[in-house]
Amino acid sequence: MSAEKKRIAAVVVTYNRLPLLQKCIESLRAQTALCDILVVNNASTDGTGPWLTAQQASGVLTARDTGENLGGAGGFNYGMRWAVEARYDFLWVMDDDCLPEPEALERLLEADAHLGGGYGWLSSRVLWKDGNLCAMNLQRDTLIHTISSFDQELQPVVMASFVSLFLPRRIVLEMGLPIKEFFIWTDDWEFTRRISRKYPCYVVAASVVIHHSISNIGANIVTASMDRLDRFNYLYRNDVVLYRREGFKGFAYEAARLSGHCLRVVFRSRDHRWKRIKKIVSGTRKGLSFRPDIEYIEE
C-alpha cells in the first residue's frame, strides 16, 4: 500500500483548551503528509463546541462531543474506537496541546515503510515549548529506565505517552483500547506497554512535536497544590494495574517507587505531608482491588 493510499486519522482529545486546540489543528493541517482530523470534545464549556461546529461546516475536520468529561483515558478510548470503526488504516493520537512539526507525520510514515509494518507503535520525539526535551513525555526503553538520547533514528522503547503516538488499526483490533476507567494518568503507559510486551515499538527521532504543557515536569505529589491532590488517587491506583502485570519485577519496582515518593514527601514537601502520604497509600490500596476490563472492537 503506498503512502498516498493510507488513510490516517489524527485523533485529538480536547477539554477546555480552545486556543491550544486551534494551534494543534493548524499544525495538523500544515503536515506534509495528509491526514483526516477527528476531534473528541470532552464536553468543553469554553466555546470549543461552537468553534468545532464551524470547522466541520467548512470541511476542516470532524468532531464529536462526548456529552460528559470522560477524562483523557475515556477520550482516547472513544477516539480510537471511532477511528477504527471508520476503517482508517493508521491512528495518530495526541492531546490538544501537541503541536507537530510540519514533517512529523511524514517521518512516521517513512519509519512505517522502513519497518515493513513490523512494529506495534511509533512515538515522536517530544520537545517542550522552550526547545528542550519534554521531561514528562520521555519514552522508556525498559520498565524503569527513561531514554536520554535520540541519536538513533529508530530507538526501541517499551512505553510512551499519547503525545504523538502512531499505530496501525490492526494493532488496536488485536490488543484492545485504552482503559477508560483510568480517567486520567497511566492510560498511555498501560496501553503502550500492553502492546510492547508482544511487538517491538520505536521512537522516531526525526518526527518532532512540541508539547505546550504548562510546565516541563510531570505530576508530582510533593509539590502539588492541595486543590489538585485528589487527582493523585487516579495516578497511584492506575499504576498498580500497570506494574502488577509485570510480575515480581513490577512489584519490586512499584514498592521501591512508592517508598521513594513517601520519603520525598517527608523531606521535601512544604506542607500537608501526612495528607500527601495518605493519598499515596489510599490510591495504592484502591489499585489492589481495581481490575478494569480491556475493551475490544469487533470487526
Protein backbone atom coordinates (compact mmCIF):
# COMPACT_ATOMS: atom_id res chain seq x y z
CA MET A 1 0.00 0.00 0.00
CA SER A 2 1.52 3.33 -0.98
CA ALA A 3 1.70 6.28 1.38
CA GLU A 4 -0.87 8.11 -0.74
CA LYS A 5 -3.45 5.37 -0.23
CA LYS A 6 -3.08 5.03 3.50
CA ARG A 7 -6.00 6.54 5.39
CA ILE A 8 -4.69 8.21 8.53
CA ALA A 9 -6.78 9.66 11.34
CA ALA A 10 -5.22 12.23 13.65
CA VAL A 11 -7.19 11.63 16.86
CA VAL A 12 -7.18 14.70 19.12
CA VAL A 13 -8.77 14.76 22.58
CA THR A 14 -9.66 18.19 23.94
CA TYR A 15 -11.15 19.69 27.08
CA ASN A 16 -11.46 23.44 27.71
CA ARG A 17 -8.28 24.49 25.92
CA LEU A 18 -9.62 26.11 22.78
CA PRO A 19 -6.60 28.34 21.98
CA LEU A 20 -4.27 25.33 22.15
CA LEU A 21 -6.68 23.17 20.17
CA GLN A 22 -6.76 25.79 17.42
CA LYS A 23 -2.95 25.74 17.21
CA CYS A 24 -2.97 21.93 17.18
CA ILE A 25 -5.44 21.84 14.29
CA GLU A 26 -3.40 24.43 12.41
CA SER A 27 -0.29 22.25 12.84
CA LEU A 28 -2.13 19.17 11.59
CA ARG A 29 -3.39 21.00 8.52
CA ALA A 30 0.20 22.07 7.77
CA GLN A 31 1.52 18.49 7.63
CA THR A 32 3.43 17.44 4.53
CA ALA A 33 1.54 14.11 4.65
CA LEU A 34 -2.24 14.07 4.52
CA CYS A 35 -4.43 13.02 7.43
CA ASP A 36 -8.03 13.44 8.47
CA ILE A 37 -8.63 15.14 11.80
CA LEU A 38 -11.00 13.57 14.34
CA VAL A 39 -11.57 15.70 17.43
CA VAL A 40 -13.05 14.21 20.60
CA ASN A 41 -14.55 17.06 22.62
CA ASN A 42 -14.84 16.03 26.26
CA ALA A 43 -17.87 18.29 26.83
CA SER A 44 -15.85 21.51 26.90
CA THR A 45 -17.55 24.63 28.26
CA ASP A 46 -15.17 27.30 26.88
CA GLY A 47 -16.62 27.76 23.40
CA THR A 48 -14.85 24.75 21.91
CA GLY A 49 -18.13 23.19 20.78
CA PRO A 50 -19.35 26.10 18.62
CA TRP A 51 -15.87 26.57 17.14
CA LEU A 52 -15.70 22.88 16.18
CA THR A 53 -19.17 23.10 14.62
CA ALA A 54 -17.97 25.95 12.39
CA GLN A 55 -14.85 23.99 11.42
CA GLN A 56 -16.91 20.96 10.46
CA ALA A 57 -19.11 23.08 8.25
CA SER A 58 -16.02 24.21 6.36
CA GLY A 59 -14.80 20.63 5.95
CA VAL A 60 -11.64 21.12 8.00
CA LEU A 61 -12.27 18.31 10.46
CA THR A 62 -14.84 16.03 12.06
CA ALA A 63 -15.73 16.37 15.72
CA ARG A 64 -17.83 14.57 18.27
CA ASP A 65 -18.92 15.73 21.70
CA THR A 66 -18.86 13.00 24.34
CA GLY A 67 -21.64 14.65 26.35
CA GLU A 68 -19.61 14.46 29.54
CA ASN A 69 -15.98 14.74 30.57
CA LEU A 70 -14.60 11.21 30.15
CA GLY A 71 -11.10 12.24 31.16
CA GLY A 72 -8.11 11.74 28.92
CA ALA A 73 -8.38 7.95 29.16
CA GLY A 74 -12.06 7.92 28.21
CA GLY A 75 -11.47 10.43 25.44
CA PHE A 76 -8.72 8.36 23.82
CA ASN A 77 -10.79 5.20 24.22
CA TYR A 78 -13.65 6.98 22.42
CA GLY A 79 -11.46 8.46 19.70
CA MET A 80 -9.57 5.28 18.87
CA ARG A 81 -12.80 3.31 18.66
CA TRP A 82 -14.19 5.96 16.32
CA ALA A 83 -11.15 5.83 14.02
CA VAL A 84 -11.02 2.03 13.94
CA GLU A 85 -14.74 1.68 13.23
CA ALA A 86 -14.35 4.27 10.45
CA ARG A 87 -11.73 1.89 8.99
CA TYR A 88 -8.75 4.22 9.00
CA ASP A 89 -5.51 2.33 8.35
CA PHE A 90 -3.49 4.25 10.93
CA LEU A 91 -4.22 6.25 14.06
CA TRP A 92 -2.09 9.23 15.08
CA VAL A 93 -3.04 10.06 18.65
CA MET A 94 -2.37 13.29 20.57
CA ASP A 95 -3.56 15.76 23.18
CA ASP A 96 -4.85 19.19 22.20
CA ASP A 97 -1.63 20.86 23.40
CA CYS A 98 0.54 18.84 21.00
CA LEU A 99 1.85 20.84 18.03
CA PRO A 100 3.50 18.58 15.43
CA GLU A 101 6.27 19.99 13.27
CA PRO A 102 5.28 20.03 9.55
CA GLU A 103 7.11 16.79 8.68
CA ALA A 104 6.21 14.87 11.86
CA LEU A 105 3.68 12.58 10.19
CA GLU A 106 5.76 12.10 7.06
CA ARG A 107 8.68 10.85 9.17
CA LEU A 108 6.40 8.38 10.97
CA LEU A 109 5.20 7.05 7.62
CA GLU A 110 8.78 6.67 6.45
CA ALA A 111 9.55 4.64 9.56
CA ASP A 112 6.47 2.51 8.93
CA ALA A 113 7.70 1.78 5.39
CA HIS A 114 11.22 1.03 6.60
CA LEU A 115 9.93 -1.43 9.19
CA GLY A 116 7.52 -3.02 6.77
CA GLY A 117 4.74 -2.77 9.33
CA GLY A 118 6.69 -4.94 11.77
CA TYR A 119 6.01 -2.96 14.92
CA GLY A 120 3.33 -2.23 17.49
CA TRP A 121 3.53 1.56 17.65
CA LEU A 122 5.79 4.51 16.88
CA SER A 123 6.36 7.57 19.05
CA SER A 124 7.69 11.03 18.19
CA ARG A 125 10.46 12.98 19.87
CA VAL A 126 8.67 15.47 22.13
CA LEU A 127 10.12 18.89 22.88
CA TRP A 128 8.78 21.44 25.32
CA LYS A 129 7.91 24.91 24.09
CA ASP A 130 11.39 26.21 25.01
CA GLY A 131 13.04 23.67 22.67
CA ASN A 132 14.33 21.35 25.38
CA LEU A 133 13.20 17.74 25.70
CA CYS A 134 9.82 17.44 27.38
CA ALA A 135 10.52 15.56 30.62
CA MET A 136 7.03 14.15 31.09
CA ASN A 137 6.98 12.62 27.59
CA LEU A 138 10.33 10.86 27.57
CA GLN A 139 9.83 7.27 26.50
CA ARG A 140 11.15 4.28 28.45
CA ASP A 141 13.33 1.58 26.95
CA THR A 142 12.80 -0.72 29.94
CA LEU A 143 10.15 -0.91 32.61
CA ILE A 144 12.05 1.56 34.79
CA HIS A 145 14.60 3.33 32.56
CA THR A 146 13.84 6.58 30.71
CA ILE A 147 15.76 7.18 27.50
CA SER A 148 18.21 10.07 27.50
CA SER A 149 19.39 10.19 23.90
CA PHE A 150 17.80 10.40 20.46
CA ASP A 151 20.94 9.54 18.49
CA GLN A 152 19.33 6.51 16.85
CA GLU A 153 16.87 7.11 14.03
CA LEU A 154 14.73 4.24 15.34
CA GLN A 155 15.20 3.53 19.03
CA PRO A 156 13.46 0.53 20.65
CA VAL A 157 11.24 1.51 23.58
CA VAL A 158 8.51 -0.11 25.64
CA MET A 159 6.39 2.80 26.95
CA ALA A 160 5.35 6.18 25.57
CA SER A 161 2.77 8.90 26.10
CA PHE A 162 -0.22 9.85 23.97
CA VAL A 163 1.60 12.98 22.81
CA SER A 164 2.06 11.80 19.21
CA LEU A 165 1.58 8.04 19.17
CA PHE A 166 1.23 6.36 15.76
CA LEU A 167 -0.11 2.84 15.32
CA PRO A 168 -1.83 0.60 12.77
CA ARG A 169 -5.52 -0.15 13.02
CA ARG A 170 -4.83 -3.88 13.24
CA ILE A 171 -2.91 -3.40 16.48
CA VAL A 172 -5.88 -1.75 18.17
CA LEU A 173 -8.16 -4.50 16.91
CA GLU A 174 -5.87 -7.15 18.35
CA MET A 175 -4.70 -5.51 21.58
CA GLY A 176 -7.77 -3.53 22.60
CA LEU A 177 -8.45 0.07 23.56
CA PRO A 178 -7.04 2.26 26.36
CA ILE A 179 -8.71 1.58 29.70
CA LYS A 180 -11.37 4.28 30.03
CA GLU A 181 -11.88 3.61 33.75
CA PHE A 182 -8.41 5.07 34.40
CA PHE A 183 -9.96 8.52 33.68
CA ILE A 184 -6.61 10.31 33.84
CA TRP A 185 -2.97 9.25 34.13
CA THR A 186 -1.22 5.97 33.29
CA ASP A 187 -3.65 5.17 30.46
CA ASP A 188 -0.90 5.83 27.90
CA TRP A 189 1.79 3.88 29.80
CA GLU A 190 -0.51 0.90 30.27
CA PHE A 191 -1.72 0.89 26.66
CA THR A 192 1.73 1.19 25.09
CA ARG A 193 3.24 -1.37 27.48
CA ARG A 194 0.42 -3.80 26.73
CA ILE A 195 1.42 -3.64 23.09
CA SER A 196 5.21 -3.65 23.56
CA ARG A 197 5.01 -6.88 25.56
CA LYS A 198 4.18 -8.54 22.23
CA TYR A 199 5.52 -6.28 19.46
CA PRO A 200 8.69 -4.18 19.01
CA CYS A 201 8.00 -0.45 19.33
CA TYR A 202 10.14 2.55 18.48
CA VAL A 203 10.84 6.24 18.90
CA VAL A 204 11.26 8.01 15.55
CA ALA A 205 13.78 10.73 16.31
CA ALA A 206 13.10 12.67 13.10
CA SER A 207 9.40 13.02 13.94
CA VAL A 208 9.20 16.04 16.24
CA VAL A 209 6.29 17.57 18.11
CA ILE A 210 6.12 20.44 20.59
CA HIS A 211 4.20 19.89 23.82
CA HIS A 212 2.70 23.15 25.08
CA SER A 213 2.10 21.94 28.62
CA ILE A 214 2.07 24.48 31.43
CA SER A 215 5.40 23.29 32.81
CA ASN A 216 8.15 20.88 31.81
CA ILE A 217 7.60 18.48 34.70
CA GLY A 218 5.23 15.62 35.28
CA ALA A 219 2.72 15.11 38.06
CA ASN A 220 4.43 15.46 41.44
CA ILE A 221 2.58 14.87 44.70
CA VAL A 222 5.44 16.51 46.61
CA THR A 223 4.70 19.97 45.20
CA ALA A 224 1.07 19.65 44.03
CA SER A 225 -1.39 22.24 45.37
CA MET A 226 -3.99 20.89 47.78
CA ASP A 227 -6.88 21.60 45.39
CA ARG A 228 -5.34 19.08 42.96
CA LEU A 229 -4.41 16.42 45.48
CA ASP A 230 -7.46 14.22 44.90
CA ARG A 231 -6.35 13.67 41.30
CA PHE A 232 -3.48 11.55 42.60
CA ASN A 233 -5.97 8.85 43.58
CA TYR A 234 -6.07 8.01 39.87
CA LEU A 235 -2.29 8.01 39.47
CA TYR A 236 -1.49 5.63 42.31
CA ARG A 237 -4.49 3.40 41.68
CA ASN A 238 -3.79 3.08 37.97
CA ASP A 239 -0.07 2.47 38.43
CA VAL A 240 -0.85 -0.69 40.41
CA VAL A 241 -2.65 -2.07 37.34
CA LEU A 242 0.34 -1.25 35.13
CA TYR A 243 3.06 -2.76 37.30
CA ARG A 244 1.06 -5.71 38.64
CA ARG A 245 1.08 -7.22 35.16
CA GLU A 246 4.90 -7.30 35.17
CA GLY A 247 5.11 -9.92 37.92
CA PHE A 248 7.84 -9.82 40.56
CA LYS A 249 9.89 -7.21 38.71
CA GLY A 250 6.89 -4.88 38.55
CA PHE A 251 6.00 -5.49 42.19
CA ALA A 252 9.55 -4.73 43.31
CA TYR A 253 9.72 -1.56 41.26
CA GLU A 254 6.35 -0.34 42.49
CA ALA A 255 7.31 -0.97 46.12
CA ALA A 256 10.57 0.93 45.72
CA ARG A 257 8.85 3.73 43.82
CA LEU A 258 6.15 4.24 46.45
CA SER A 259 8.71 4.23 49.23
CA GLY A 260 10.68 6.88 47.36
CA HIS A 261 7.60 9.04 46.88
CA CYS A 262 6.78 8.88 50.60
CA LEU A 263 10.34 9.81 51.56
CA ARG A 264 10.34 12.76 49.17
CA VAL A 265 7.07 13.97 50.67
CA VAL A 266 8.56 13.76 54.18
CA PHE A 267 11.76 15.62 53.32
CA ARG A 268 10.70 17.97 50.53
CA SER A 269 7.03 18.90 50.86
CA ARG A 270 6.41 22.28 52.44
CA ASP A 271 3.01 21.46 53.88
CA HIS A 272 0.36 18.78 54.48
CA ARG A 273 2.90 15.95 54.47
CA TRP A 274 0.57 13.48 56.19
CA LYS A 275 -2.29 14.19 53.77
CA ARG A 276 0.02 13.60 50.83
CA ILE A 277 1.27 10.29 52.21
CA LYS A 278 -2.31 9.21 52.94
CA LYS A 279 -3.17 9.91 49.31
CA ILE A 280 -0.32 7.69 48.12
CA VAL A 281 -1.43 4.88 50.43
CA SER A 282 -5.16 5.17 49.70
CA GLY A 283 -4.67 5.30 45.94
CA THR A 284 -2.41 2.26 46.04
CA ARG A 285 -4.86 0.32 48.20
CA LYS A 286 -7.64 1.05 45.70
CA GLY A 287 -5.41 -0.25 42.94
CA LEU A 288 -5.01 -3.64 44.64
CA SER A 289 -8.70 -4.41 44.04
CA PHE A 290 -9.05 -2.40 40.82
CA ARG A 291 -9.25 -4.79 37.86
CA PRO A 292 -10.76 -2.96 34.88
CA ASP A 293 -11.60 -4.82 31.71
CA ILE A 294 -9.92 -4.14 28.38
CA GLU A 295 -12.42 -3.32 25.63
CA TYR A 296 -12.05 -4.84 22.18
CA ILE A 297 -13.65 -3.74 18.92
CA GLU A 298 -15.49 -6.32 16.89
CA GLU A 299 -14.95 -6.15 13.15
